[in-house]
Amino acid sequence: MSASYEDISVKALLLADEIRLIGTQPIESSDDAGKIGRVVQDLAARLAAIGAALTSSALNPQAGARPF
């Protein structure tokens, strides 16, 4: 069973909060920059997955899709 539009939207909002938090972290060394870079790459991958899920939900009316 596919996740509902609401479930996917909640994941997107939580991800946005994580991205905002990352944006407030100070970069004090090149190690910090590398760690933040890896986290941003992970968040980007998760965001892409959320986008794909939303697209899939929008194309599948039985999954409780709502128009954007």
Protein backbone atom coordinates (compact mmCIF):
# COMPACT_ATOMS: atom_id res chain seq x y z
CA MET A 1 0.00 0.00 0.00
CA SER A 2 1.30 3.44 -0.91
CA ALA A 3 1.80 6.16 1.66
CA SER A 4 -0.93 8.78 1.72
CA TYR A 5 -0.40 12.29 0.43
CA GLU A 6 -0.57 13.52 4.04
CA ASP A 7 2.11 11.07 5.21
CA ILE A 8 4.42 12.11 2.40
CA SER A 9 3.76 15.80 3.10
CA VAL A 10 4.67 15.33 6.76
CA LYS A 11 7.96 13.72 5.71
CA ALA A 12 8.67 16.71 3.47
CA LEU A 13 7.97 19.17 6.31
CA LEU A 14 10.22 17.24 8.69
CA LEU A 15 12.96 17.21 6.09
CA ALA A 16 12.61 20.97 5.65
CA ASP A 17 13.13 21.38 9.40
CA GLU A 18 16.30 19.25 9.22
CA ILE A 19 17.61 21.37 6.34
CA ARG A 20 16.94 24.57 8.31
CA LEU A 21 18.82 23.10 11.28
CA ILE A 22 21.81 22.20 9.11
CA GLY A 23 21.83 25.77 7.80
CA THR A 24 22.32 27.11 11.33
CA GLN A 25 25.35 24.95 12.13
CA PRO A 26 28.68 26.77 12.25
CA ILE A 27 31.48 25.54 10.00
CA GLU A 28 34.64 25.73 12.09
CA SER A 29 36.90 23.34 10.20
CA SER A 30 37.25 21.43 6.95
CA ASP A 31 36.06 18.32 8.83
CA ASP A 32 32.85 20.17 9.74
CA ALA A 33 32.41 21.21 6.12
CA GLY A 34 32.83 17.60 4.98
CA LYS A 35 30.32 16.33 7.53
CA ILE A 36 27.80 19.01 6.60
CA GLY A 37 28.34 18.24 2.92
CA ARG A 38 27.59 14.55 3.50
CA VAL A 39 24.46 15.40 5.49
CA VAL A 40 23.27 17.75 2.75
CA GLN A 41 23.82 15.01 0.14
CA ASP A 42 21.79 12.59 2.26
CA LEU A 43 19.01 15.15 2.69
CA ALA A 44 18.99 15.81 -1.06
CA ALA A 45 18.56 12.08 -1.72
CA ARG A 46 15.71 11.91 0.79
CA LEU A 47 14.10 14.96 -0.79
CA ALA A 48 14.31 13.33 -4.22
CA ALA A 49 12.62 10.22 -2.80
CA ILE A 50 9.85 12.35 -1.31
CA GLY A 51 9.37 14.10 -4.64
CA ALA A 52 9.12 10.75 -6.40
CA ALA A 53 6.60 9.52 -3.82
CA LEU A 54 4.49 12.65 -4.23
CA THR A 55 4.55 12.23 -8.00
CA SER A 56 3.58 8.59 -7.67
CA SER A 57 0.78 9.50 -5.26
CA ALA A 58 -0.50 12.20 -7.61
CA LEU A 59 -0.62 9.71 -10.46
CA ASN A 60 -2.43 7.09 -8.38
CA PRO A 61 -5.89 8.30 -7.27
CA GLN A 62 -6.35 5.15 -5.19
CA ALA A 63 -3.44 6.25 -3.00
CA GLY A 64 -5.46 9.20 -1.71
CA ALA A 65 -3.88 11.70 -4.05
CA ARG A 66 -4.91 15.31 -4.06
CA PRO A 67 -4.16 17.80 -6.81
CA PHE A 68 -1.16 20.03 -6.22
